[in-house]
Amino acid sequence: MWFQETIVLPAKPRGFHLITNEVLASVQKVRLIDVGLLHFFIQHSSASLTINENADPTVRADMERHFNKFVPERAPYYQHTYEGDDVHLHILHTTS
């Protein structure tokens, strides 16, 4: 069985967010499948997915702290300004 859905998630601030429940609520047919493969395509250049275990919520906090230090929001050496001041998001989403 194949099916394709387009879903829209609400905008979220910079950070690491759990979206599993939102996806499951939006794609009801997923509950009918025991084994399968799910593909995500994000139609936004400043967003990405990471797959992490969720047993310990401090994992998300540690990831957030690391990326805030590794890729600061307004570093003075950024040159990309065509779309505003979001170059740090482009960098983040090629590394995550």
N, C-alpha and C. Protein backbone atom coordinates (compact mmCIF):
# COMPACT_ATOMS: atom_id res chain seq x y z
N MET A 1 0.85 -1.17 0.00
CA MET A 1 0.00 0.00 0.00
C MET A 1 0.90 1.24 0.00
N TRP A 2 0.61 2.18 -0.89
CA TRP A 2 1.32 3.45 -0.95
C TRP A 2 0.34 4.57 -0.70
N PHE A 3 0.77 5.59 0.00
CA PHE A 3 -0.02 6.80 0.05
C PHE A 3 0.88 7.99 0.33
N GLN A 4 0.40 9.13 -0.07
CA GLN A 4 1.17 10.37 0.10
C GLN A 4 0.26 11.41 0.72
N GLU A 5 0.77 12.11 1.69
CA GLU A 5 0.03 13.18 2.36
C GLU A 5 0.89 14.43 2.40
N THR A 6 0.27 15.56 2.32
CA THR A 6 0.95 16.82 2.58
C THR A 6 0.38 17.37 3.87
N ILE A 7 1.26 17.65 4.80
CA ILE A 7 0.81 18.20 6.07
C ILE A 7 1.52 19.52 6.32
N VAL A 8 0.90 20.36 7.09
CA VAL A 8 1.47 21.65 7.44
C VAL A 8 1.56 21.70 8.96
N LEU A 9 2.77 21.88 9.44
CA LEU A 9 2.98 22.02 10.88
C LEU A 9 3.07 23.50 11.22
N PRO A 10 2.61 23.89 12.39
CA PRO A 10 2.71 25.30 12.76
C PRO A 10 4.17 25.72 12.91
N ALA A 11 4.43 27.00 12.63
CA ALA A 11 5.79 27.53 12.77
C ALA A 11 6.25 27.40 14.22
N LYS A 12 7.53 27.14 14.38
CA LYS A 12 8.11 26.98 15.70
C LYS A 12 9.34 27.88 15.81
N PRO A 13 9.68 28.31 17.00
CA PRO A 13 10.90 29.10 17.14
C PRO A 13 12.13 28.21 16.95
N ARG A 14 13.28 28.85 16.80
CA ARG A 14 14.52 28.10 16.69
C ARG A 14 14.62 27.14 17.85
N GLY A 15 15.04 25.93 17.56
CA GLY A 15 15.17 24.94 18.63
C GLY A 15 14.91 23.54 18.11
N PHE A 16 14.93 22.61 19.01
CA PHE A 16 14.68 21.20 18.71
C PHE A 16 13.32 20.86 19.28
N HIS A 17 12.40 20.45 18.42
CA HIS A 17 11.01 20.23 18.82
C HIS A 17 10.58 18.81 18.47
N LEU A 18 9.78 18.22 19.33
CA LEU A 18 9.19 16.92 19.03
C LEU A 18 7.98 17.14 18.13
N ILE A 19 7.92 16.42 17.02
CA ILE A 19 6.79 16.58 16.11
C ILE A 19 6.04 15.27 15.87
N THR A 20 6.44 14.22 16.54
CA THR A 20 5.84 12.90 16.31
C THR A 20 4.32 12.94 16.46
N ASN A 21 3.82 13.48 17.55
CA ASN A 21 2.37 13.49 17.77
C ASN A 21 1.64 14.34 16.74
N GLU A 22 2.24 15.44 16.31
CA GLU A 22 1.62 16.28 15.28
C GLU A 22 1.53 15.54 13.96
N VAL A 23 2.59 14.80 13.61
CA VAL A 23 2.58 14.04 12.37
C VAL A 23 1.55 12.92 12.45
N LEU A 24 1.54 12.19 13.54
CA LEU A 24 0.57 11.10 13.68
C LEU A 24 -0.87 11.60 13.65
N ALA A 25 -1.12 12.76 14.24
CA ALA A 25 -2.47 13.32 14.22
C ALA A 25 -2.87 13.78 12.82
N SER A 26 -1.90 14.21 12.04
CA SER A 26 -2.19 14.71 10.69
C SER A 26 -2.31 13.61 9.66
N VAL A 27 -1.64 12.50 9.87
CA VAL A 27 -1.63 11.41 8.90
C VAL A 27 -2.26 10.18 9.56
N GLN A 28 -3.57 10.14 9.56
CA GLN A 28 -4.30 9.06 10.23
C GLN A 28 -4.01 7.68 9.65
N LYS A 29 -3.73 7.61 8.34
CA LYS A 29 -3.49 6.32 7.69
C LYS A 29 -2.25 5.61 8.24
N VAL A 30 -1.34 6.35 8.84
CA VAL A 30 -0.13 5.74 9.39
C VAL A 30 -0.48 4.68 10.43
N ARG A 31 -1.54 4.87 11.14
CA ARG A 31 -1.94 3.91 12.19
C ARG A 31 -2.35 2.55 11.62
N LEU A 32 -2.65 2.49 10.32
CA LEU A 32 -3.05 1.24 9.68
C LEU A 32 -1.87 0.38 9.27
N ILE A 33 -0.66 0.91 9.38
CA ILE A 33 0.52 0.24 8.86
C ILE A 33 1.34 -0.34 10.00
N ASP A 34 1.71 -1.63 9.88
CA ASP A 34 2.55 -2.27 10.89
C ASP A 34 4.03 -2.07 10.59
N VAL A 35 4.40 -2.17 9.33
CA VAL A 35 5.78 -2.02 8.91
C VAL A 35 5.78 -1.15 7.66
N GLY A 36 6.71 -0.21 7.59
CA GLY A 36 6.74 0.64 6.42
C GLY A 36 7.93 1.59 6.45
N LEU A 37 7.93 2.47 5.50
CA LEU A 37 8.99 3.46 5.36
C LEU A 37 8.32 4.81 5.19
N LEU A 38 8.77 5.77 5.95
CA LEU A 38 8.20 7.11 5.91
C LEU A 38 9.25 8.09 5.41
N HIS A 39 8.91 8.86 4.40
CA HIS A 39 9.80 9.88 3.86
C HIS A 39 9.24 11.25 4.21
N PHE A 40 10.12 12.14 4.63
CA PHE A 40 9.73 13.53 4.88
C PHE A 40 10.45 14.42 3.88
N PHE A 41 9.74 15.38 3.36
CA PHE A 41 10.35 16.41 2.54
C PHE A 41 9.90 17.74 3.12
N ILE A 42 10.84 18.53 3.56
CA ILE A 42 10.52 19.82 4.16
C ILE A 42 10.70 20.89 3.10
N GLN A 43 9.64 21.62 2.84
CA GLN A 43 9.68 22.63 1.78
C GLN A 43 10.09 23.99 2.33
N HIS A 44 11.12 24.02 3.11
CA HIS A 44 11.60 25.28 3.66
C HIS A 44 13.11 25.19 3.82
N SER A 45 13.82 26.21 3.35
CA SER A 45 15.28 26.15 3.38
C SER A 45 15.86 26.36 4.77
N SER A 46 15.05 26.80 5.72
CA SER A 46 15.56 27.07 7.06
C SER A 46 14.99 26.10 8.09
N ALA A 47 14.74 24.88 7.65
CA ALA A 47 14.23 23.86 8.57
C ALA A 47 14.87 22.53 8.24
N SER A 48 15.04 21.69 9.24
CA SER A 48 15.58 20.35 9.01
C SER A 48 15.06 19.40 10.08
N LEU A 49 15.30 18.14 9.85
CA LEU A 49 14.91 17.11 10.80
C LEU A 49 16.14 16.46 11.39
N THR A 50 16.09 16.17 12.67
CA THR A 50 17.08 15.30 13.29
C THR A 50 16.32 14.15 13.90
N ILE A 51 16.93 13.02 13.95
CA ILE A 51 16.31 11.85 14.56
C ILE A 51 17.14 11.51 15.78
N ASN A 52 16.51 11.61 16.94
CA ASN A 52 17.18 11.34 18.21
C ASN A 52 16.28 10.47 19.07
N GLU A 53 16.89 9.76 19.98
CA GLU A 53 16.07 9.02 20.94
C GLU A 53 15.39 10.05 21.84
N ASN A 54 14.26 9.66 22.40
CA ASN A 54 13.50 10.59 23.23
C ASN A 54 13.33 10.07 24.65
N ALA A 55 14.21 9.20 25.07
CA ALA A 55 14.09 8.65 26.43
C ALA A 55 14.47 9.69 27.47
N ASP A 56 15.37 10.58 27.12
CA ASP A 56 15.85 11.58 28.07
C ASP A 56 15.71 12.96 27.45
N PRO A 57 14.84 13.81 27.99
CA PRO A 57 14.62 15.13 27.40
C PRO A 57 15.84 16.04 27.44
N THR A 58 16.85 15.69 28.23
CA THR A 58 18.04 16.53 28.27
C THR A 58 18.84 16.42 26.97
N VAL A 59 18.58 15.39 26.16
CA VAL A 59 19.25 15.27 24.86
C VAL A 59 18.92 16.50 24.01
N ARG A 60 17.63 16.86 23.94
CA ARG A 60 17.23 18.03 23.15
C ARG A 60 17.87 19.29 23.69
N ALA A 61 17.91 19.43 25.01
CA ALA A 61 18.52 20.62 25.62
C ALA A 61 20.02 20.68 25.30
N ASP A 62 20.70 19.54 25.36
CA ASP A 62 22.12 19.51 25.03
C ASP A 62 22.35 19.86 23.56
N MET A 63 21.53 19.32 22.67
CA MET A 63 21.65 19.64 21.25
C MET A 63 21.45 21.14 21.04
N GLU A 64 20.46 21.70 21.68
CA GLU A 64 20.18 23.12 21.54
C GLU A 64 21.36 23.97 22.01
N ARG A 65 21.91 23.64 23.16
CA ARG A 65 23.05 24.39 23.68
C ARG A 65 24.26 24.28 22.74
N HIS A 66 24.50 23.09 22.24
CA HIS A 66 25.64 22.89 21.34
C HIS A 66 25.48 23.72 20.06
N PHE A 67 24.32 23.63 19.43
CA PHE A 67 24.12 24.35 18.18
C PHE A 67 24.09 25.86 18.38
N ASN A 68 23.60 26.33 19.52
CA ASN A 68 23.63 27.78 19.78
C ASN A 68 25.07 28.29 19.87
N LYS A 69 25.96 27.46 20.40
CA LYS A 69 27.36 27.85 20.50
C LYS A 69 28.08 27.64 19.16
N PHE A 70 27.80 26.54 18.50
CA PHE A 70 28.46 26.16 17.26
C PHE A 70 28.08 27.07 16.09
N VAL A 71 26.80 27.48 16.05
CA VAL A 71 26.29 28.32 14.97
C VAL A 71 25.53 29.50 15.59
N PRO A 72 26.24 30.57 15.96
CA PRO A 72 25.57 31.72 16.58
C PRO A 72 24.64 32.43 15.60
N GLU A 73 23.63 33.09 16.13
CA GLU A 73 22.62 33.73 15.28
C GLU A 73 23.16 34.88 14.44
N ARG A 74 23.88 35.79 15.00
CA ARG A 74 24.29 36.98 14.26
C ARG A 74 25.80 37.18 14.30
N ALA A 75 26.53 36.20 13.84
CA ALA A 75 27.99 36.32 13.81
C ALA A 75 28.38 37.43 12.84
N PRO A 76 29.34 38.25 13.19
CA PRO A 76 29.69 39.39 12.36
C PRO A 76 30.30 39.02 11.01
N TYR A 77 30.74 37.79 10.84
CA TYR A 77 31.38 37.38 9.58
C TYR A 77 30.38 36.82 8.56
N TYR A 78 29.09 36.68 8.88
CA TYR A 78 28.10 36.20 7.91
C TYR A 78 27.90 37.25 6.82
N GLN A 79 27.84 36.81 5.56
CA GLN A 79 27.63 37.71 4.44
C GLN A 79 26.25 37.56 3.80
N HIS A 80 25.63 36.41 3.92
CA HIS A 80 24.34 36.15 3.28
C HIS A 80 23.25 37.00 3.93
N THR A 81 22.69 37.92 3.17
CA THR A 81 21.63 38.78 3.70
C THR A 81 20.44 38.89 2.75
N TYR A 82 20.45 38.15 1.65
CA TYR A 82 19.37 38.27 0.66
C TYR A 82 18.00 37.93 1.23
N GLU A 83 17.95 37.05 2.21
CA GLU A 83 16.67 36.63 2.78
C GLU A 83 16.54 37.09 4.23
N GLY A 84 17.23 38.12 4.60
CA GLY A 84 17.20 38.58 5.98
C GLY A 84 18.43 38.07 6.71
N ASP A 85 18.30 37.87 7.99
CA ASP A 85 19.46 37.45 8.80
C ASP A 85 19.36 35.99 9.21
N ASP A 86 19.01 35.13 8.26
CA ASP A 86 18.79 33.72 8.60
C ASP A 86 19.90 32.79 8.14
N VAL A 87 21.08 33.32 7.81
CA VAL A 87 22.15 32.44 7.32
C VAL A 87 22.50 31.37 8.35
N HIS A 88 22.43 31.69 9.63
CA HIS A 88 22.73 30.69 10.65
C HIS A 88 21.79 29.49 10.52
N LEU A 89 20.56 29.71 10.09
CA LEU A 89 19.62 28.60 9.91
C LEU A 89 20.03 27.72 8.73
N HIS A 90 20.53 28.33 7.66
CA HIS A 90 21.00 27.53 6.53
C HIS A 90 22.18 26.65 6.97
N ILE A 91 23.07 27.21 7.77
CA ILE A 91 24.23 26.45 8.28
C ILE A 91 23.76 25.34 9.21
N LEU A 92 22.86 25.67 10.10
CA LEU A 92 22.34 24.67 11.05
C LEU A 92 21.76 23.48 10.31
N HIS A 93 21.01 23.74 9.26
CA HIS A 93 20.25 22.68 8.63
C HIS A 93 21.06 21.89 7.61
N THR A 94 22.30 22.31 7.39
CA THR A 94 23.18 21.44 6.62
C THR A 94 23.99 20.58 7.57
N THR A 95 24.04 20.94 8.85
CA THR A 95 24.82 20.17 9.81
C THR A 95 23.96 19.24 10.64
N SER A 96 22.66 19.47 10.72
CA SER A 96 21.84 18.60 11.57
C SER A 96 21.18 17.51 10.79
